[in-house]
Amino acid sequence: MSCKAYRTRSSVSNIKIEDHGMSAVFLNPRRQVHHIVKVDGGLVAQQRAADYVVSKPGVGDLVVELKGKDVGVACKQIEATLCIMDRCEEKRSPVAGLIVCTRVPCFDTKVQGLKSYFAKKYKSRLTVCSSRNKFDFEKFFGK
């Protein structure tokens, strides 16, 4: 499977992705190239997957699920997307996960457990936050 056909490039100062009224904006003041893949409804259809993968060369791949309230399902969608990425013909970069949700509060013991699980299994960070946030892409990768 090749993911390249579904990849778009963006170098705007605020990279915005959105789905079903939810969105995430990644600050890009130096206008560096980022790659965006629409996974659910783009790369794959009729199977479990996250909404997007946003990549910055030399930094990593961020799997993004724009969700309502069910953070557990969103985590499974991110995991499914990691499996899809493994089938792509590209070398894997460091990965992280982002769930943007409407759930209030967006952090509780369930979310804490999911973050711990993700850290142990994938050795990476899972971030869960409310909508209307702007993000520094590098911070998802500890940079």
N, C-alpha and C. Protein backbone atom coordinates (compact mmCIF):
# COMPACT_ATOMS: atom_id res chain seq x y z
N MET A 1 0.84 -1.18 0.00
CA MET A 1 0.00 0.00 0.00
C MET A 1 0.89 1.24 0.00
N SER A 2 0.61 2.18 -0.85
CA SER A 2 1.36 3.42 -0.88
C SER A 2 0.48 4.57 -0.38
N CYS A 3 1.02 5.31 0.56
CA CYS A 3 0.28 6.44 1.13
C CYS A 3 0.55 7.74 0.37
N LYS A 4 1.55 7.74 -0.50
CA LYS A 4 1.98 8.97 -1.17
C LYS A 4 0.87 9.61 -1.98
N ALA A 5 0.02 8.81 -2.59
CA ALA A 5 -1.05 9.35 -3.43
C ALA A 5 -2.06 10.16 -2.63
N TYR A 6 -2.12 9.95 -1.33
CA TYR A 6 -3.10 10.62 -0.49
C TYR A 6 -2.49 11.76 0.32
N ARG A 7 -1.22 12.05 0.08
CA ARG A 7 -0.50 13.06 0.86
C ARG A 7 -0.57 14.41 0.17
N THR A 8 -0.86 15.44 0.95
CA THR A 8 -0.77 16.81 0.47
C THR A 8 0.31 17.52 1.26
N ARG A 9 0.84 18.57 0.68
CA ARG A 9 1.89 19.35 1.35
C ARG A 9 1.30 20.69 1.76
N SER A 10 1.76 21.19 2.89
CA SER A 10 1.34 22.52 3.33
C SER A 10 2.51 23.22 3.99
N SER A 11 2.65 24.49 3.69
CA SER A 11 3.68 25.29 4.35
C SER A 11 3.09 26.64 4.79
N VAL A 12 1.80 26.66 5.05
CA VAL A 12 1.17 27.88 5.55
C VAL A 12 1.52 28.08 7.02
N SER A 13 1.29 29.27 7.53
CA SER A 13 1.69 29.57 8.91
C SER A 13 0.79 28.92 9.96
N ASN A 14 -0.45 28.62 9.62
CA ASN A 14 -1.37 27.90 10.51
C ASN A 14 -1.99 26.76 9.71
N ILE A 15 -1.53 25.55 9.99
CA ILE A 15 -2.02 24.37 9.26
C ILE A 15 -3.26 23.86 9.99
N LYS A 16 -4.40 23.92 9.30
CA LYS A 16 -5.67 23.53 9.92
C LYS A 16 -6.20 22.26 9.29
N ILE A 17 -6.57 21.32 10.16
CA ILE A 17 -7.28 20.12 9.70
C ILE A 17 -8.62 20.11 10.39
N GLU A 18 -9.63 19.60 9.72
CA GLU A 18 -10.96 19.59 10.33
C GLU A 18 -11.79 18.44 9.79
N ASP A 19 -12.74 18.04 10.63
CA ASP A 19 -13.65 16.96 10.27
C ASP A 19 -14.87 17.04 11.16
N HIS A 20 -16.04 17.05 10.58
CA HIS A 20 -17.31 17.06 11.32
C HIS A 20 -17.38 18.14 12.39
N GLY A 21 -16.94 19.35 12.04
CA GLY A 21 -17.03 20.48 12.95
C GLY A 21 -15.92 20.58 13.99
N MET A 22 -15.04 19.60 14.05
CA MET A 22 -13.90 19.63 14.97
C MET A 22 -12.67 20.02 14.17
N SER A 23 -11.70 20.65 14.85
CA SER A 23 -10.49 21.05 14.12
C SER A 23 -9.28 21.09 15.04
N ALA A 24 -8.13 21.13 14.41
CA ALA A 24 -6.85 21.33 15.10
C ALA A 24 -6.00 22.21 14.20
N VAL A 25 -5.29 23.13 14.81
CA VAL A 25 -4.43 24.04 14.07
C VAL A 25 -3.01 23.87 14.59
N PHE A 26 -2.07 23.70 13.67
CA PHE A 26 -0.66 23.54 14.01
C PHE A 26 0.07 24.80 13.58
N LEU A 27 0.70 25.44 14.55
CA LEU A 27 1.44 26.67 14.29
C LEU A 27 2.70 26.36 13.49
N ASN A 28 2.93 27.14 12.45
CA ASN A 28 4.06 26.92 11.56
C ASN A 28 4.64 28.27 11.14
N PRO A 29 5.16 29.05 12.12
CA PRO A 29 5.60 30.41 11.80
C PRO A 29 6.74 30.48 10.79
N ARG A 30 7.56 29.44 10.70
CA ARG A 30 8.66 29.44 9.72
C ARG A 30 8.24 28.86 8.38
N ARG A 31 6.96 28.51 8.28
CA ARG A 31 6.38 27.99 7.04
C ARG A 31 7.14 26.81 6.47
N GLN A 32 7.48 25.87 7.37
CA GLN A 32 8.15 24.65 6.94
C GLN A 32 7.13 23.68 6.36
N VAL A 33 7.58 22.81 5.50
CA VAL A 33 6.69 21.85 4.84
C VAL A 33 6.21 20.80 5.84
N HIS A 34 4.91 20.57 5.85
CA HIS A 34 4.27 19.49 6.58
C HIS A 34 3.49 18.66 5.56
N HIS A 35 3.38 17.38 5.79
CA HIS A 35 2.59 16.50 4.93
C HIS A 35 1.33 16.12 5.68
N ILE A 36 0.22 16.10 4.98
CA ILE A 36 -1.07 15.78 5.58
C ILE A 36 -1.70 14.64 4.78
N VAL A 37 -2.12 13.59 5.50
CA VAL A 37 -2.82 12.47 4.87
C VAL A 37 -4.19 12.35 5.52
N LYS A 38 -5.24 12.45 4.74
CA LYS A 38 -6.60 12.19 5.21
C LYS A 38 -6.74 10.67 5.21
N VAL A 39 -6.82 10.07 6.38
CA VAL A 39 -6.83 8.61 6.47
C VAL A 39 -8.27 8.09 6.37
N ASP A 40 -9.10 8.40 7.37
CA ASP A 40 -10.48 7.92 7.37
C ASP A 40 -11.28 8.70 6.33
N GLY A 41 -11.75 8.00 5.32
CA GLY A 41 -12.48 8.65 4.24
C GLY A 41 -11.58 9.13 3.12
N GLY A 42 -10.30 8.80 3.20
CA GLY A 42 -9.34 9.15 2.15
C GLY A 42 -8.53 7.93 1.78
N LEU A 43 -7.49 7.68 2.57
CA LEU A 43 -6.62 6.53 2.35
C LEU A 43 -7.39 5.22 2.52
N VAL A 44 -8.27 5.17 3.51
CA VAL A 44 -9.10 3.98 3.73
C VAL A 44 -10.56 4.38 3.89
N ALA A 45 -11.43 3.45 3.59
CA ALA A 45 -12.86 3.65 3.78
C ALA A 45 -13.45 2.37 4.37
N GLN A 46 -14.48 2.52 5.13
CA GLN A 46 -15.20 1.38 5.70
C GLN A 46 -14.33 0.52 6.62
N GLN A 47 -13.39 1.14 7.30
CA GLN A 47 -12.63 0.44 8.33
C GLN A 47 -12.20 1.44 9.38
N ARG A 48 -11.86 0.94 10.55
CA ARG A 48 -11.48 1.80 11.66
C ARG A 48 -10.16 2.51 11.35
N ALA A 49 -10.17 3.83 11.51
CA ALA A 49 -8.96 4.62 11.29
C ALA A 49 -9.16 6.01 11.88
N ALA A 50 -8.05 6.67 12.19
CA ALA A 50 -8.10 8.05 12.65
C ALA A 50 -8.36 8.97 11.46
N ASP A 51 -8.62 10.22 11.75
CA ASP A 51 -8.96 11.15 10.68
C ASP A 51 -7.75 11.56 9.83
N TYR A 52 -6.63 11.88 10.48
CA TYR A 52 -5.48 12.41 9.75
C TYR A 52 -4.17 11.89 10.31
N VAL A 53 -3.13 11.97 9.47
CA VAL A 53 -1.75 11.87 9.90
C VAL A 53 -1.08 13.13 9.38
N VAL A 54 -0.52 13.91 10.31
CA VAL A 54 0.22 15.12 9.95
C VAL A 54 1.68 14.81 10.24
N SER A 55 2.53 15.03 9.24
CA SER A 55 3.95 14.68 9.36
C SER A 55 4.81 15.90 9.09
N LYS A 56 5.89 15.97 9.84
CA LYS A 56 6.90 16.98 9.57
C LYS A 56 8.21 16.25 9.38
N PRO A 57 8.81 16.36 8.19
CA PRO A 57 10.07 15.66 7.94
C PRO A 57 11.12 15.99 9.00
N GLY A 58 11.76 14.95 9.49
CA GLY A 58 12.79 15.12 10.50
C GLY A 58 12.27 15.21 11.92
N VAL A 59 10.95 15.26 12.09
CA VAL A 59 10.35 15.36 13.44
C VAL A 59 9.52 14.12 13.74
N GLY A 60 8.46 13.87 12.98
CA GLY A 60 7.64 12.70 13.23
C GLY A 60 6.28 12.75 12.57
N ASP A 61 5.50 11.70 12.84
CA ASP A 61 4.15 11.55 12.32
C ASP A 61 3.17 11.64 13.48
N LEU A 62 2.22 12.57 13.39
CA LEU A 62 1.21 12.75 14.42
C LEU A 62 -0.12 12.22 13.90
N VAL A 63 -0.65 11.20 14.56
CA VAL A 63 -1.94 10.63 14.18
C VAL A 63 -3.02 11.39 14.95
N VAL A 64 -3.96 11.97 14.23
CA VAL A 64 -4.95 12.87 14.82
C VAL A 64 -6.36 12.31 14.65
N GLU A 65 -7.08 12.22 15.75
CA GLU A 65 -8.49 11.86 15.71
C GLU A 65 -9.28 13.04 16.28
N LEU A 66 -10.18 13.57 15.47
CA LEU A 66 -11.07 14.65 15.88
C LEU A 66 -12.38 13.98 16.30
N LYS A 67 -12.65 13.98 17.61
CA LYS A 67 -13.69 13.12 18.16
C LYS A 67 -14.68 13.91 18.99
N GLY A 68 -15.83 13.31 19.18
CA GLY A 68 -16.82 13.86 20.11
C GLY A 68 -16.41 13.58 21.54
N LYS A 69 -16.92 12.50 22.12
CA LYS A 69 -16.68 12.23 23.53
C LYS A 69 -15.97 10.91 23.82
N ASP A 70 -16.05 9.94 22.94
CA ASP A 70 -15.55 8.59 23.26
C ASP A 70 -14.06 8.47 23.00
N VAL A 71 -13.28 8.81 24.02
CA VAL A 71 -11.82 8.82 23.91
C VAL A 71 -11.28 7.41 23.72
N GLY A 72 -11.92 6.41 24.32
CA GLY A 72 -11.48 5.02 24.16
C GLY A 72 -11.54 4.57 22.71
N VAL A 73 -12.62 4.89 22.03
CA VAL A 73 -12.74 4.55 20.61
C VAL A 73 -11.71 5.32 19.80
N ALA A 74 -11.49 6.58 20.15
CA ALA A 74 -10.50 7.39 19.44
C ALA A 74 -9.11 6.77 19.55
N CYS A 75 -8.76 6.26 20.72
CA CYS A 75 -7.46 5.61 20.91
C CYS A 75 -7.35 4.38 20.01
N LYS A 76 -8.43 3.59 19.90
CA LYS A 76 -8.43 2.42 19.03
C LYS A 76 -8.27 2.83 17.56
N GLN A 77 -8.86 3.96 17.20
CA GLN A 77 -8.72 4.45 15.83
C GLN A 77 -7.27 4.86 15.54
N ILE A 78 -6.62 5.45 16.52
CA ILE A 78 -5.21 5.82 16.35
C ILE A 78 -4.37 4.56 16.22
N GLU A 79 -4.63 3.55 17.04
CA GLU A 79 -3.89 2.29 16.94
C GLU A 79 -4.08 1.65 15.57
N ALA A 80 -5.32 1.65 15.08
CA ALA A 80 -5.60 1.07 13.76
C ALA A 80 -4.83 1.82 12.68
N THR A 81 -4.73 3.12 12.82
CA THR A 81 -4.00 3.92 11.85
C THR A 81 -2.51 3.60 11.88
N LEU A 82 -1.96 3.34 13.06
CA LEU A 82 -0.56 2.94 13.15
C LEU A 82 -0.32 1.64 12.39
N CYS A 83 -1.27 0.73 12.45
CA CYS A 83 -1.16 -0.52 11.68
C CYS A 83 -1.22 -0.24 10.18
N ILE A 84 -2.09 0.68 9.78
CA ILE A 84 -2.19 1.05 8.37
C ILE A 84 -0.87 1.67 7.91
N MET A 85 -0.29 2.51 8.74
CA MET A 85 0.99 3.15 8.40
C MET A 85 2.09 2.11 8.22
N ASP A 86 2.04 1.04 9.01
CA ASP A 86 3.03 -0.03 8.87
C ASP A 86 2.95 -0.70 7.50
N ARG A 87 1.74 -0.72 6.91
CA ARG A 87 1.57 -1.33 5.60
C ARG A 87 1.98 -0.40 4.46
N CYS A 88 2.13 0.89 4.75
CA CYS A 88 2.60 1.83 3.73
C CYS A 88 4.06 1.52 3.44
N GLU A 89 4.49 1.89 2.28
CA GLU A 89 5.83 1.54 1.82
C GLU A 89 6.90 2.51 2.30
N GLU A 90 6.71 3.12 3.44
CA GLU A 90 7.64 4.13 3.91
C GLU A 90 8.22 3.73 5.26
N LYS A 91 9.43 4.21 5.50
CA LYS A 91 10.07 4.00 6.80
C LYS A 91 9.30 4.80 7.85
N ARG A 92 9.06 4.19 9.00
CA ARG A 92 8.30 4.88 10.03
C ARG A 92 9.17 5.88 10.78
N SER A 93 8.64 7.07 10.93
CA SER A 93 9.25 8.12 11.74
C SER A 93 8.73 7.97 13.16
N PRO A 94 9.28 8.73 14.11
CA PRO A 94 8.67 8.72 15.44
C PRO A 94 7.19 9.09 15.33
N VAL A 95 6.36 8.49 16.19
CA VAL A 95 4.93 8.74 16.14
C VAL A 95 4.42 9.29 17.47
N ALA A 96 3.29 9.97 17.38
CA ALA A 96 2.57 10.45 18.56
C ALA A 96 1.10 10.48 18.18
N GLY A 97 0.24 10.55 19.18
CA GLY A 97 -1.19 10.59 18.94
C GLY A 97 -1.83 11.83 19.55
N LEU A 98 -2.84 12.36 18.88
CA LEU A 98 -3.59 13.52 19.37
C LEU A 98 -5.07 13.23 19.20
N ILE A 99 -5.80 13.34 20.31
CA ILE A 99 -7.25 13.23 20.27
C ILE A 99 -7.80 14.60 20.68
N VAL A 100 -8.53 15.23 19.77
CA VAL A 100 -9.20 16.49 20.06
C VAL A 100 -10.67 16.14 20.27
N CYS A 101 -11.19 16.44 21.46
CA CYS A 101 -12.54 15.99 21.77
C CYS A 101 -13.37 17.07 22.45
N THR A 102 -14.66 16.80 22.55
CA THR A 102 -15.58 17.71 23.24
C THR A 102 -15.82 17.26 24.67
N ARG A 103 -15.25 16.15 25.05
CA ARG A 103 -15.46 15.58 26.38
C ARG A 103 -14.99 16.55 27.47
N VAL A 104 -15.82 16.72 28.48
CA VAL A 104 -15.48 17.59 29.61
C VAL A 104 -15.68 16.80 30.89
N PRO A 105 -14.71 16.65 31.78
CA PRO A 105 -13.33 17.07 31.55
C PRO A 105 -12.67 16.12 30.56
N CYS A 106 -11.67 16.63 29.86
CA CYS A 106 -11.02 15.79 28.84
C CYS A 106 -9.92 14.94 29.47
N PHE A 107 -9.68 15.08 30.78
CA PHE A 107 -8.67 14.25 31.45
C PHE A 107 -9.28 13.64 32.71
N ASP A 108 -9.24 12.31 32.79
CA ASP A 108 -9.69 11.59 33.98
C ASP A 108 -8.88 10.31 34.07
N THR A 109 -9.27 9.39 34.94
CA THR A 109 -8.49 8.16 35.11
C THR A 109 -8.50 7.30 33.85
N LYS A 110 -9.59 7.30 33.10
CA LYS A 110 -9.65 6.53 31.85
C LYS A 110 -8.62 7.08 30.85
N VAL A 111 -8.58 8.38 30.71
CA VAL A 111 -7.63 9.01 29.80
C VAL A 111 -6.20 8.76 30.29
N GLN A 112 -5.99 8.86 31.58
CA GLN A 112 -4.66 8.60 32.15
C GLN A 112 -4.21 7.17 31.82
N GLY A 113 -5.13 6.22 31.94
CA GLY A 113 -4.82 4.82 31.60
C GLY A 113 -4.49 4.65 30.13
N LEU A 114 -5.24 5.31 29.24
CA LEU A 114 -4.99 5.23 27.81
C LEU A 114 -3.62 5.83 27.47
N LYS A 115 -3.28 6.93 28.12
CA LYS A 115 -1.98 7.57 27.87
C LYS A 115 -0.84 6.66 28.32
N SER A 116 -1.01 6.01 29.46
CA SER A 116 0.01 5.08 29.96
C SER A 116 0.15 3.89 29.02
N TYR A 117 -0.98 3.33 28.59
CA TYR A 117 -0.99 2.21 27.66
C TYR A 117 -0.25 2.58 26.37
N PHE A 118 -0.57 3.73 25.83
CA PHE A 118 0.03 4.19 24.57
C PHE A 118 1.54 4.37 24.75
N ALA A 119 1.95 4.94 25.87
CA ALA A 119 3.38 5.16 26.14
C ALA A 119 4.13 3.83 26.24
N LYS A 120 3.53 2.85 26.90
CA LYS A 120 4.19 1.55 27.05
C LYS A 120 4.24 0.80 25.73
N LYS A 121 3.12 0.75 25.02
CA LYS A 121 3.05 -0.05 23.80
C LYS A 121 3.82 0.58 22.63
N TYR A 122 3.72 1.89 22.48
CA TYR A 122 4.31 2.55 21.30
C TYR A 122 5.51 3.43 21.63
N LYS A 123 5.81 3.54 22.93
CA LYS A 123 6.92 4.39 23.37
C LYS A 123 6.78 5.80 22.82
N SER A 124 5.56 6.30 22.89
CA SER A 124 5.29 7.64 22.40
C SER A 124 4.17 8.28 23.20
N ARG A 125 3.92 9.52 22.91
CA ARG A 125 2.98 10.34 23.67
C ARG A 125 1.60 10.36 23.02
N LEU A 126 0.57 10.23 23.85
CA LEU A 126 -0.81 10.42 23.44
C LEU A 126 -1.32 11.65 24.17
N THR A 127 -1.82 12.62 23.42
CA THR A 127 -2.34 13.85 23.99
C THR A 127 -3.84 13.90 23.76
N VAL A 128 -4.59 14.22 24.81
CA VAL A 128 -6.04 14.37 24.71
C VAL A 128 -6.36 15.78 25.19
N CYS A 129 -7.08 16.52 24.35
CA CYS A 129 -7.41 17.89 24.73
C CYS A 129 -8.74 18.30 24.13
N SER A 130 -9.23 19.43 24.59
CA SER A 130 -10.50 19.95 24.09
C SER A 130 -10.28 20.67 22.76
N SER A 131 -11.36 20.96 22.10
CA SER A 131 -11.29 21.61 20.80
C SER A 131 -10.85 23.07 20.95
N ARG A 132 -10.64 23.69 19.82
CA ARG A 132 -10.23 25.09 19.72
C ARG A 132 -8.84 25.35 20.30
N ASN A 133 -7.94 24.43 20.04
CA ASN A 133 -6.56 24.58 20.47
C ASN A 133 -5.66 24.80 19.27
N LYS A 134 -4.59 25.53 19.51
CA LYS A 134 -3.52 25.67 18.53
C LYS A 134 -2.32 24.95 19.12
N PHE A 135 -1.60 24.21 18.27
CA PHE A 135 -0.55 23.33 18.75
C PHE A 135 0.80 23.64 18.14
N ASP A 136 1.83 23.44 18.94
CA ASP A 136 3.22 23.47 18.48
C ASP A 136 3.57 22.03 18.15
N PHE A 137 3.74 21.71 16.88
CA PHE A 137 3.90 20.34 16.42
C PHE A 137 5.05 19.62 17.13
N GLU A 138 6.18 20.26 17.29
CA GLU A 138 7.35 19.63 17.87
C GLU A 138 7.14 19.16 19.30
N LYS A 139 6.26 19.81 20.05
CA LYS A 139 6.03 19.44 21.46
C LYS A 139 5.44 18.05 21.61
N PHE A 140 4.76 17.55 20.60
CA PHE A 140 4.23 16.18 20.67
C PHE A 140 5.35 15.15 20.68
N PHE A 141 6.53 15.56 20.25
CA PHE A 141 7.66 14.67 20.14
C PHE A 141 8.77 15.02 21.13
N GLY A 142 8.42 15.86 22.12
CA GLY A 142 9.36 16.22 23.16
C GLY A 142 10.47 17.14 22.70
N LYS A 143 10.22 17.90 21.65
CA LYS A 143 11.25 18.82 21.13
C LYS A 143 10.90 20.24 21.43
